[in-house]
Amino acid sequence: MRDRYKELMLRSFKDAMDVVDEYNEWAADAFDSAPPVPPQAVPQVAMALYQSRVMDGWGGDGGFDIPEFDDKMFE
C-alpha cells in the first residue's frame, strides 16, 4: 500500500517538472518579459498534484486531510 503512494508522489514530481517546463516555454513565447517559474517551485506543484490525486482516490469529497511531510517524503 505504501508503494502506491510512493509511485503517486514520484509521478507527481515528474508531471510537475513537465508542467513547469511547458509553462515556461509558453510564457516565453506569449510575453515579452515573463519571469520563468523557478525550479524551486517544482516541489510545491508536485505536492499540489499529489494532494489532488490522493483526494481523487478517496472520492474527491474533501473529507480526507493529508498529513504534513517533514523531510520524510522519500522514506
PDB file of N, CA and C in Angstrom:
ATOM      1  N   MET A   1       0.829  -1.193   0.000  1.00  0.00           N
ATOM      2  CA  MET A   1       0.000   0.000   0.000  1.00  0.00           C
ATOM      3  C   MET A   1       0.868   1.249   0.000  1.00  0.00           C
ATOM      4  N   ARG A   2       1.937   1.203   0.727  1.00  0.00           N
ATOM      5  CA  ARG A   2       2.814   2.361   0.790  1.00  0.00           C
ATOM      6  C   ARG A   2       3.481   2.619  -0.568  1.00  0.00           C
ATOM      7  N   ASP A   3       3.751   1.563  -1.324  1.00  0.00           N
ATOM      8  CA  ASP A   3       4.372   1.716  -2.629  1.00  0.00           C
ATOM      9  C   ASP A   3       3.469   2.469  -3.597  1.00  0.00           C
ATOM     10  N   ARG A   4       2.170   2.313  -3.452  1.00  0.00           N
ATOM     11  CA  ARG A   4       1.232   3.022  -4.315  1.00  0.00           C
ATOM     12  C   ARG A   4       1.366   4.531  -4.120  1.00  0.00           C
ATOM     13  N   TYR A   5       1.500   4.964  -2.882  1.00  0.00           N
ATOM     14  CA  TYR A   5       1.638   6.396  -2.607  1.00  0.00           C
ATOM     15  C   TYR A   5       3.009   6.920  -3.028  1.00  0.00           C
ATOM     16  N   LYS A   6       4.021   6.083  -2.875  1.00  0.00           N
ATOM     17  CA  LYS A   6       5.359   6.472  -3.322  1.00  0.00           C
ATOM     18  C   LYS A   6       5.369   6.649  -4.837  1.00  0.00           C
ATOM     19  N   GLU A   7       4.757   5.708  -5.545  1.00  0.00           N
ATOM     20  CA  GLU A   7       4.667   5.810  -7.003  1.00  0.00           C
ATOM     21  C   GLU A   7       3.876   7.046  -7.417  1.00  0.00           C
ATOM     22  N   LEU A   8       2.810   7.331  -6.701  1.00  0.00           N
ATOM     23  CA  LEU A   8       1.994   8.509  -6.995  1.00  0.00           C
ATOM     24  C   LEU A   8       2.791   9.790  -6.774  1.00  0.00           C
ATOM     25  N   MET A   9       3.623   9.835  -5.729  1.00  0.00           N
ATOM     26  CA  MET A   9       4.439  11.011  -5.461  1.00  0.00           C
ATOM     27  C   MET A   9       5.494  11.198  -6.549  1.00  0.00           C
ATOM     28  N   LEU A  10       6.147  10.112  -6.940  1.00  0.00           N
ATOM     29  CA  LEU A  10       7.174  10.212  -7.982  1.00  0.00           C
ATOM     30  C   LEU A  10       6.560  10.644  -9.315  1.00  0.00           C
ATOM     31  N   ARG A  11       5.395  10.100  -9.634  1.00  0.00           N
ATOM     32  CA  ARG A  11       4.721  10.501 -10.872  1.00  0.00           C
ATOM     33  C   ARG A  11       4.308  11.973 -10.804  1.00  0.00           C
ATOM     34  N   SER A  12       3.892  12.423  -9.626  1.00  0.00           N
ATOM     35  CA  SER A  12       3.520  13.826  -9.448  1.00  0.00           C
ATOM     36  C   SER A  12       4.725  14.739  -9.646  1.00  0.00           C
ATOM     37  N   PHE A  13       5.912  14.316  -9.171  1.00  0.00           N
ATOM     38  CA  PHE A  13       7.119  15.125  -9.379  1.00  0.00           C
ATOM     39  C   PHE A  13       7.479  15.196 -10.858  1.00  0.00           C
ATOM     40  N   LYS A  14       7.390  14.068 -11.561  1.00  0.00           N
ATOM     41  CA  LYS A  14       7.696  14.083 -12.987  1.00  0.00           C
ATOM     42  C   LYS A  14       6.712  14.969 -13.744  1.00  0.00           C
ATOM     43  N   ASP A  15       5.436  14.859 -13.405  1.00  0.00           N
ATOM     44  CA  ASP A  15       4.432  15.691 -14.059  1.00  0.00           C
ATOM     45  C   ASP A  15       4.621  17.168 -13.721  1.00  0.00           C
ATOM     46  N   ALA A  16       5.012  17.467 -12.494  1.00  0.00           N
ATOM     47  CA  ALA A  16       5.240  18.857 -12.097  1.00  0.00           C
ATOM     48  C   ALA A  16       6.390  19.464 -12.888  1.00  0.00           C
ATOM     49  N   MET A  17       7.448  18.688 -13.098  1.00  0.00           N
ATOM     50  CA  MET A  17       8.564  19.193 -13.902  1.00  0.00           C
ATOM     51  C   MET A  17       8.104  19.475 -15.334  1.00  0.00           C
ATOM     52  N   ASP A  18       7.274  18.597 -15.875  1.00  0.00           N
ATOM     53  CA  ASP A  18       6.751  18.805 -17.229  1.00  0.00           C
ATOM     54  C   ASP A  18       5.858  20.042 -17.295  1.00  0.00           C
ATOM     55  N   VAL A  19       5.001  20.217 -16.294  1.00  0.00           N
ATOM     56  CA  VAL A  19       4.102  21.371 -16.263  1.00  0.00           C
ATOM     57  C   VAL A  19       4.900  22.663 -16.201  1.00  0.00           C
ATOM     58  N   VAL A  20       5.895  22.714 -15.335  1.00  0.00           N
ATOM     59  CA  VAL A  20       6.706  23.928 -15.198  1.00  0.00           C
ATOM     60  C   VAL A  20       7.472  24.208 -16.494  1.00  0.00           C
ATOM     61  N   ASP A  21       8.038  23.178 -17.101  1.00  0.00           N
ATOM     62  CA  ASP A  21       8.760  23.372 -18.372  1.00  0.00           C
ATOM     63  C   ASP A  21       7.837  23.888 -19.466  1.00  0.00           C
ATOM     64  N   GLU A  22       6.667  23.272 -19.598  1.00  0.00           N
ATOM     65  CA  GLU A  22       5.720  23.710 -20.629  1.00  0.00           C
ATOM     66  C   GLU A  22       5.236  25.132 -20.367  1.00  0.00           C
ATOM     67  N   TYR A  23       4.966  25.452 -19.100  1.00  0.00           N
ATOM     68  CA  TYR A  23       4.531  26.812 -18.776  1.00  0.00           C
ATOM     69  C   TYR A  23       5.617  27.821 -19.104  1.00  0.00           C
ATOM     70  N   ASN A  24       6.852  27.509 -18.744  1.00  0.00           N
ATOM     71  CA  ASN A  24       7.944  28.434 -19.019  1.00  0.00           C
ATOM     72  C   ASN A  24       8.131  28.653 -20.519  1.00  0.00           C
ATOM     73  N   GLU A  25       7.995  27.589 -21.307  1.00  0.00           N
ATOM     74  CA  GLU A  25       8.090  27.736 -22.767  1.00  0.00           C
ATOM     75  C   GLU A  25       6.950  28.593 -23.305  1.00  0.00           C
ATOM     76  N   TRP A  26       5.742  28.319 -22.829  1.00  0.00           N
ATOM     77  CA  TRP A  26       4.585  29.095 -23.273  1.00  0.00           C
ATOM     78  C   TRP A  26       4.727  30.565 -22.883  1.00  0.00           C
ATOM     79  N   ALA A  27       5.112  30.827 -21.650  1.00  0.00           N
ATOM     80  CA  ALA A  27       5.236  32.204 -21.174  1.00  0.00           C
ATOM     81  C   ALA A  27       6.314  32.955 -21.947  1.00  0.00           C
ATOM     82  N   ALA A  28       7.409  32.298 -22.284  1.00  0.00           N
ATOM     83  CA  ALA A  28       8.475  32.944 -23.050  1.00  0.00           C
ATOM     84  C   ALA A  28       7.985  33.327 -24.442  1.00  0.00           C
ATOM     85  N   ASP A  29       7.150  32.482 -25.050  1.00  0.00           N
ATOM     86  CA  ASP A  29       6.617  32.779 -26.378  1.00  0.00           C
ATOM     87  C   ASP A  29       5.496  33.816 -26.336  1.00  0.00           C
ATOM     88  N   ALA A  30       4.681  33.784 -25.296  1.00  0.00           N
ATOM     89  CA  ALA A  30       3.493  34.634 -25.231  1.00  0.00           C
ATOM     90  C   ALA A  30       3.768  36.047 -24.713  1.00  0.00           C
ATOM     91  N   PHE A  31       4.777  36.221 -23.889  1.00  0.00           N
ATOM     92  CA  PHE A  31       5.030  37.514 -23.268  1.00  0.00           C
ATOM     93  C   PHE A  31       6.463  37.956 -23.539  1.00  0.00           C
ATOM     94  N   ASP A  32       6.654  39.257 -23.542  1.00  0.00           N
ATOM     95  CA  ASP A  32       7.990  39.789 -23.786  1.00  0.00           C
ATOM     96  C   ASP A  32       8.914  39.607 -22.588  1.00  0.00           C
ATOM     97  N   SER A  33       8.396  39.864 -21.415  1.00  0.00           N
ATOM     98  CA  SER A  33       9.255  39.786 -20.225  1.00  0.00           C
ATOM     99  C   SER A  33       8.570  38.982 -19.123  1.00  0.00           C
ATOM    100  N   ALA A  34       8.287  37.751 -19.396  1.00  0.00           N
ATOM    101  CA  ALA A  34       7.662  36.895 -18.393  1.00  0.00           C
ATOM    102  C   ALA A  34       8.740  36.183 -17.580  1.00  0.00           C
ATOM    103  N   PRO A  35       8.742  36.396 -16.275  1.00  0.00           N
ATOM    104  CA  PRO A  35       9.733  35.675 -15.464  1.00  0.00           C
ATOM    105  C   PRO A  35       9.369  34.191 -15.414  1.00  0.00           C
ATOM    106  N   PRO A  36      10.331  33.322 -15.603  1.00  0.00           N
ATOM    107  CA  PRO A  36      10.032  31.885 -15.581  1.00  0.00           C
ATOM    108  C   PRO A  36       9.724  31.393 -14.166  1.00  0.00           C
ATOM    109  N   VAL A  37       9.010  30.303 -14.092  1.00  0.00           N
ATOM    110  CA  VAL A  37       8.774  29.659 -12.802  1.00  0.00           C
ATOM    111  C   VAL A  37      10.098  29.045 -12.371  1.00  0.00           C
ATOM    112  N   PRO A  38      10.568  29.360 -11.167  1.00  0.00           N
ATOM    113  CA  PRO A  38      11.874  28.834 -10.748  1.00  0.00           C
ATOM    114  C   PRO A  38      11.804  27.341 -10.430  1.00  0.00           C
ATOM    115  N   PRO A  39      12.917  26.653 -10.570  1.00  0.00           N
ATOM    116  CA  PRO A  39      12.940  25.209 -10.262  1.00  0.00           C
ATOM    117  C   PRO A  39      12.538  24.898  -8.821  1.00  0.00           C
ATOM    118  N   GLN A  40      12.718  25.859  -7.924  1.00  0.00           N
ATOM    119  CA  GLN A  40      12.357  25.639  -6.520  1.00  0.00           C
ATOM    120  C   GLN A  40      10.849  25.473  -6.338  1.00  0.00           C
ATOM    121  N   ALA A  41      10.061  25.875  -7.330  1.00  0.00           N
ATOM    122  CA  ALA A  41       8.606  25.764  -7.232  1.00  0.00           C
ATOM    123  C   ALA A  41       8.104  24.371  -7.610  1.00  0.00           C
ATOM    124  N   VAL A  42       8.948  23.550  -8.222  1.00  0.00           N
ATOM    125  CA  VAL A  42       8.523  22.219  -8.667  1.00  0.00           C
ATOM    126  C   VAL A  42       7.999  21.367  -7.504  1.00  0.00           C
ATOM    127  N   PRO A  43       8.655  21.321  -6.331  1.00  0.00           N
ATOM    128  CA  PRO A  43       8.091  20.522  -5.232  1.00  0.00           C
ATOM    129  C   PRO A  43       6.709  20.987  -4.790  1.00  0.00           C
ATOM    130  N   GLN A  44       6.457  22.292  -4.834  1.00  0.00           N
ATOM    131  CA  GLN A  44       5.136  22.792  -4.451  1.00  0.00           C
ATOM    132  C   GLN A  44       4.082  22.374  -5.466  1.00  0.00           C
ATOM    133  N   VAL A  45       4.420  22.436  -6.746  1.00  0.00           N
ATOM    134  CA  VAL A  45       3.500  21.994  -7.790  1.00  0.00           C
ATOM    135  C   VAL A  45       3.269  20.487  -7.662  1.00  0.00           C
ATOM    136  N   ALA A  46       4.337  19.742  -7.400  1.00  0.00           N
ATOM    137  CA  ALA A  46       4.222  18.293  -7.237  1.00  0.00           C
ATOM    138  C   ALA A  46       3.325  17.948  -6.051  1.00  0.00           C
ATOM    139  N   MET A  47       3.475  18.653  -4.956  1.00  0.00           N
ATOM    140  CA  MET A  47       2.647  18.377  -3.782  1.00  0.00           C
ATOM    141  C   MET A  47       1.178  18.684  -4.065  1.00  0.00           C
ATOM    142  N   ALA A  48       0.922  19.753  -4.809  1.00  0.00           N
ATOM    143  CA  ALA A  48      -0.461  20.072  -5.172  1.00  0.00           C
ATOM    144  C   ALA A  48      -1.049  18.970  -6.055  1.00  0.00           C
ATOM    145  N   LEU A  49      -0.267  18.495  -7.026  1.00  0.00           N
ATOM    146  CA  LEU A  49      -0.731  17.391  -7.874  1.00  0.00           C
ATOM    147  C   LEU A  49      -0.969  16.129  -7.046  1.00  0.00           C
ATOM    148  N   TYR A  50      -0.037  15.843  -6.162  1.00  0.00           N
ATOM    149  CA  TYR A  50      -0.141  14.649  -5.315  1.00  0.00           C
ATOM    150  C   TYR A  50      -1.392  14.709  -4.440  1.00  0.00           C
ATOM    151  N   GLN A  51      -1.598  15.848  -3.788  1.00  0.00           N
ATOM    152  CA  GLN A  51      -2.779  16.008  -2.932  1.00  0.00           C
ATOM    153  C   GLN A  51      -4.059  15.857  -3.734  1.00  0.00           C
ATOM    154  N   SER A  52      -4.086  16.447  -4.910  1.00  0.00           N
ATOM    155  CA  SER A  52      -5.260  16.347  -5.758  1.00  0.00           C
ATOM    156  C   SER A  52      -5.530  14.896  -6.153  1.00  0.00           C
ATOM    157  N   ARG A  53      -4.485  14.173  -6.488  1.00  0.00           N
ATOM    158  CA  ARG A  53      -4.647  12.768  -6.894  1.00  0.00           C
ATOM    159  C   ARG A  53      -5.057  11.886  -5.731  1.00  0.00           C
ATOM    160  N   VAL A  54      -4.526  12.141  -4.551  1.00  0.00           N
ATOM    161  CA  VAL A  54      -4.931  11.369  -3.377  1.00  0.00           C
ATOM    162  C   VAL A  54      -6.393  11.665  -3.048  1.00  0.00           C
ATOM    163  N   MET A  55      -6.772  12.931  -3.109  1.00  0.00           N
ATOM    164  CA  MET A  55      -8.164  13.303  -2.841  1.00  0.00           C
ATOM    165  C   MET A  55      -9.099  12.634  -3.840  1.00  0.00           C
ATOM    166  N   ASP A  56      -8.685  12.595  -5.093  1.00  0.00           N
ATOM    167  CA  ASP A  56      -9.497  11.957  -6.118  1.00  0.00           C
ATOM    168  C   ASP A  56      -9.644  10.467  -5.831  1.00  0.00           C
ATOM    169  N   GLY A  57      -8.585   9.869  -5.313  1.00  0.00           N
ATOM    170  CA  GLY A  57      -8.628   8.452  -4.964  1.00  0.00           C
ATOM    171  C   GLY A  57      -9.538   8.163  -3.789  1.00  0.00           C
ATOM    172  N   TRP A  58      -9.759   9.153  -2.946  1.00  0.00           N
ATOM    173  CA  TRP A  58     -10.631   8.989  -1.781  1.00  0.00           C
ATOM    174  C   TRP A  58     -12.052   9.439  -2.074  1.00  0.00           C
ATOM    175  N   GLY A  59     -12.353   9.689  -3.316  1.00  0.00           N
ATOM    176  CA  GLY A  59     -13.717  10.070  -3.672  1.00  0.00           C
ATOM    177  C   GLY A  59     -13.869  11.541  -3.968  1.00  0.00           C
ATOM    178  N   GLY A  60     -12.857  12.347  -3.676  1.00  0.00           N
ATOM    179  CA  GLY A  60     -12.888  13.763  -4.012  1.00  0.00           C
ATOM    180  C   GLY A  60     -13.900  14.581  -3.236  1.00  0.00           C
ATOM    181  N   ASP A  61     -14.331  14.074  -2.070  1.00  0.00           N
ATOM    182  CA  ASP A  61     -15.329  14.816  -1.308  1.00  0.00           C
ATOM    183  C   ASP A  61     -14.728  15.824  -0.341  1.00  0.00           C
ATOM    184  N   GLY A  62     -13.419  15.874  -0.259  1.00  0.00           N
ATOM    185  CA  GLY A  62     -12.766  16.831   0.625  1.00  0.00           C
ATOM    186  C   GLY A  62     -12.742  16.396   2.074  1.00  0.00           C
ATOM    187  N   GLY A  63     -13.072  15.159   2.352  1.00  0.00           N
ATOM    188  CA  GLY A  63     -13.139  14.692   3.721  1.00  0.00           C
ATOM    189  C   GLY A  63     -11.867  14.042   4.224  1.00  0.00           C
ATOM    190  N   PHE A  64     -10.797  14.116   3.469  1.00  0.00           N
ATOM    191  CA  PHE A  64      -9.551  13.461   3.855  1.00  0.00           C
ATOM    192  C   PHE A  64      -8.457  14.502   3.960  1.00  0.00           C
ATOM    193  N   ASP A  65      -7.798  14.583   5.110  1.00  0.00           N
ATOM    194  CA  ASP A  65      -6.700  15.523   5.307  1.00  0.00           C
ATOM    195  C   ASP A  65      -5.387  14.805   5.091  1.00  0.00           C
ATOM    196  N   ILE A  66      -4.521  15.407   4.312  1.00  0.00           N
ATOM    197  CA  ILE A  66      -3.213  14.830   4.041  1.00  0.00           C
ATOM    198  C   ILE A  66      -2.251  15.317   5.113  1.00  0.00           C
ATOM    199  N   PRO A  67      -1.527  14.402   5.767  1.00  0.00           N
ATOM    200  CA  PRO A  67      -0.604  14.818   6.826  1.00  0.00           C
ATOM    201  C   PRO A  67       0.560  15.620   6.254  1.00  0.00           C
ATOM    202  N   GLU A  68       1.137  16.446   7.097  1.00  0.00           N
ATOM    203  CA  GLU A  68       2.299  17.236   6.702  1.00  0.00           C
ATOM    204  C   GLU A  68       3.502  16.319   6.560  1.00  0.00           C
ATOM    205  N   PHE A  69       4.322  16.576   5.556  1.00  0.00           N
ATOM    206  CA  PHE A  69       5.539  15.810   5.344  1.00  0.00           C
ATOM    207  C   PHE A  69       6.707  16.647   5.841  1.00  0.00           C
ATOM    208  N   ASP A  70       7.372  16.171   6.872  1.00  0.00           N
ATOM    209  CA  ASP A  70       8.528  16.907   7.379  1.00  0.00           C
ATOM    210  C   ASP A  70       9.793  16.100   7.101  1.00  0.00           C
ATOM    211  N   ASP A  71      10.348  16.339   5.923  1.00  0.00           N
ATOM    212  CA  ASP A  71      11.585  15.702   5.464  1.00  0.00           C
ATOM    213  C   ASP A  71      11.500  14.182   5.402  1.00  0.00           C
ATOM    214  N   LYS A  72      10.316  13.627   5.256  1.00  0.00           N
ATOM    215  CA  LYS A  72      10.166  12.186   5.180  1.00  0.00           C
ATOM    216  C   LYS A  72       9.503  11.778   3.860  1.00  0.00           C
ATOM    217  N   MET A  73       9.549  12.629   2.869  1.00  0.00           N
ATOM    218  CA  MET A  73       8.853  12.353   1.623  1.00  0.00           C
ATOM    219  C   MET A  73       9.427  11.160   0.890  1.00  0.00           C
ATOM    220  N   PHE A  74      10.702  10.903   1.035  1.00  0.00           N
ATOM    221  CA  PHE A  74      11.344   9.871   0.238  1.00  0.00           C
ATOM    222  C   PHE A  74      11.662   8.622   1.028  1.00  0.00           C
ATOM    223  N   GLU A  75      11.186   8.513   2.248  1.00  0.00           N
ATOM    224  CA  GLU A  75      11.457   7.321   3.052  1.00  0.00           C
ATOM    225  C   GLU A  75      10.485   6.224   2.701  1.00  0.00           C
TER     226      GLU A  75
END
